[in-house]
């Protein structure tokens, strides 16, 4: 499957590689069809690549607020 970025570039979605989100999965997105360079994620809830990840691995869709909890969690950050 292909996705288009805001600036019109084509990216390639791997529907087999997923990360669990609160409203739906996030799918891994690559810059090329051979999956050699990872580019980001596609939100499975609203089908957008408009999302962001912080340093702790928390992933959030900027359109529908689908989130993936951080990879590492430290109570000191709360």
C-alpha atoms as a PDB file:
ATOM      1  CA  UNK A   1       0.000   0.000   0.000  1.00  0.00           C
ATOM      2  CA  UNK A   2       1.137   3.546  -0.662  1.00  0.00           C
ATOM      3  CA  UNK A   3       0.628   6.739   1.326  1.00  0.00           C
ATOM      4  CA  UNK A   4       1.238  10.335   0.287  1.00  0.00           C
ATOM      5  CA  UNK A   5       2.945  12.872   2.537  1.00  0.00           C
ATOM      6  CA  UNK A   6       1.809  16.480   2.901  1.00  0.00           C
ATOM      7  CA  UNK A   7       4.453  17.547   0.396  1.00  0.00           C
ATOM      8  CA  UNK A   8       3.240  14.986  -2.171  1.00  0.00           C
ATOM      9  CA  UNK A   9       5.910  12.320  -1.765  1.00  0.00           C
ATOM     10  CA  UNK A  10       4.961   8.658  -2.047  1.00  0.00           C
ATOM     11  CA  UNK A  11       5.734   6.405   0.914  1.00  0.00           C
ATOM     12  CA  UNK A  12       5.218   2.653   1.238  1.00  0.00           C
ATOM     13  CA  UNK A  13       3.160   1.117   4.046  1.00  0.00           C
ATOM     14  CA  UNK A  14       3.894  -2.341   5.429  1.00  0.00           C
ATOM     15  CA  UNK A  15       0.566  -3.632   6.783  1.00  0.00           C
ATOM     16  CA  UNK A  16       2.368  -6.629   8.309  1.00  0.00           C
ATOM     17  CA  UNK A  17       4.510  -4.551  10.692  1.00  0.00           C
ATOM     18  CA  UNK A  18       2.322  -2.930  13.303  1.00  0.00           C
ATOM     19  CA  UNK A  19       2.585  -1.142  16.613  1.00  0.00           C
ATOM     20  CA  UNK A  20      -0.403  -1.197  18.955  1.00  0.00           C
ATOM     21  CA  UNK A  21      -2.237   2.105  19.388  1.00  0.00           C
ATOM     22  CA  UNK A  22      -5.144   3.136  21.622  1.00  0.00           C
ATOM     23  CA  UNK A  23      -7.650   3.532  18.746  1.00  0.00           C
ATOM     24  CA  UNK A  24      -6.037   1.312  16.123  1.00  0.00           C
ATOM     25  CA  UNK A  25      -2.641   0.055  14.988  1.00  0.00           C
ATOM     26  CA  UNK A  26       0.188   2.122  13.582  1.00  0.00           C
ATOM     27  CA  UNK A  27       1.765   0.645  10.442  1.00  0.00           C
ATOM     28  CA  UNK A  28       5.457   1.027   9.609  1.00  0.00           C
ATOM     29  CA  UNK A  29       6.117   3.263   6.579  1.00  0.00           C
ATOM     30  CA  UNK A  30       9.206   3.158   4.337  1.00  0.00           C
ATOM     31  CA  UNK A  31      10.708   5.585   1.831  1.00  0.00           C
ATOM     32  CA  UNK A  32      11.074   2.888  -0.822  1.00  0.00           C
ATOM     33  CA  UNK A  33       9.030  -0.095  -1.967  1.00  0.00           C
ATOM     34  CA  UNK A  34      11.829  -2.499  -0.934  1.00  0.00           C
ATOM     35  CA  UNK A  35      11.516  -1.501   2.751  1.00  0.00           C
ATOM     36  CA  UNK A  36      15.175  -0.561   3.050  1.00  0.00           C
ATOM     37  CA  UNK A  37      14.744   2.776   4.872  1.00  0.00           C
ATOM     38  CA  UNK A  38      12.112   3.283   7.557  1.00  0.00           C
ATOM     39  CA  UNK A  39      10.388   6.654   7.343  1.00  0.00           C
ATOM     40  CA  UNK A  40       7.658   6.694  10.013  1.00  0.00           C
ATOM     41  CA  UNK A  41       4.163   5.395  10.744  1.00  0.00           C
ATOM     42  CA  UNK A  42       0.661   5.443   9.272  1.00  0.00           C
ATOM     43  CA  UNK A  43      -2.221   5.687  11.750  1.00  0.00           C
ATOM     44  CA  UNK A  44      -4.554   2.752  11.192  1.00  0.00           C
ATOM     45  CA  UNK A  45      -7.468   4.633  12.733  1.00  0.00           C
ATOM     46  CA  UNK A  46      -7.592   7.632  10.395  1.00  0.00           C
ATOM     47  CA  UNK A  47      -5.116   6.588   7.645  1.00  0.00           C
ATOM     48  CA  UNK A  48      -2.715   9.537   7.982  1.00  0.00           C
ATOM     49  CA  UNK A  49       1.063   9.833   8.269  1.00  0.00           C
ATOM     50  CA  UNK A  50       0.639  13.040  10.314  1.00  0.00           C
ATOM     51  CA  UNK A  51       2.019  11.793  13.625  1.00  0.00           C
ATOM     52  CA  UNK A  52       4.955  12.327  15.961  1.00  0.00           C
ATOM     53  CA  UNK A  53       7.151  10.270  18.283  1.00  0.00           C
ATOM     54  CA  UNK A  54       8.958  11.583  21.335  1.00  0.00           C
ATOM     55  CA  UNK A  55      12.304  10.485  22.803  1.00  0.00           C
ATOM     56  CA  UNK A  56      10.643   7.873  25.032  1.00  0.00           C
ATOM     57  CA  UNK A  57       8.936   6.150  22.077  1.00  0.00           C
ATOM     58  CA  UNK A  58       5.447   7.607  22.625  1.00  0.00           C
ATOM     59  CA  UNK A  59       3.686   7.855  19.259  1.00  0.00           C
ATOM     60  CA  UNK A  60       0.703  10.167  18.751  1.00  0.00           C
ATOM     61  CA  UNK A  61      -1.442  10.808  15.704  1.00  0.00           C
ATOM     62  CA  UNK A  62      -1.923  14.548  15.255  1.00  0.00           C
ATOM     63  CA  UNK A  63      -5.371  14.110  13.690  1.00  0.00           C
ATOM     64  CA  UNK A  64      -7.276  11.567  15.797  1.00  0.00           C
ATOM     65  CA  UNK A  65      -5.135  11.383  18.966  1.00  0.00           C
ATOM     66  CA  UNK A  66      -4.444   7.649  18.547  1.00  0.00           C
ATOM     67  CA  UNK A  67      -1.497   6.988  20.879  1.00  0.00           C
ATOM     68  CA  UNK A  68       1.097   4.332  21.560  1.00  0.00           C
ATOM     69  CA  UNK A  69       2.453   4.294  25.077  1.00  0.00           C
ATOM     70  CA  UNK A  70       6.180   4.960  25.559  1.00  0.00           C
ATOM     71  CA  UNK A  71       8.659   2.094  25.211  1.00  0.00           C
ATOM     72  CA  UNK A  72      10.214   3.061  28.521  1.00  0.00           C
ATOM     73  CA  UNK A  73       8.363   4.640  31.392  1.00  0.00           C
ATOM     74  CA  UNK A  74       9.725   6.393  34.439  1.00  0.00           C
ATOM     75  CA  UNK A  75       7.459   7.672  37.225  1.00  0.00           C
ATOM     76  CA  UNK A  76       9.800  10.654  37.620  1.00  0.00           C
ATOM     77  CA  UNK A  77       8.486  12.042  34.312  1.00  0.00           C
ATOM     78  CA  UNK A  78       4.898  12.280  35.551  1.00  0.00           C
END
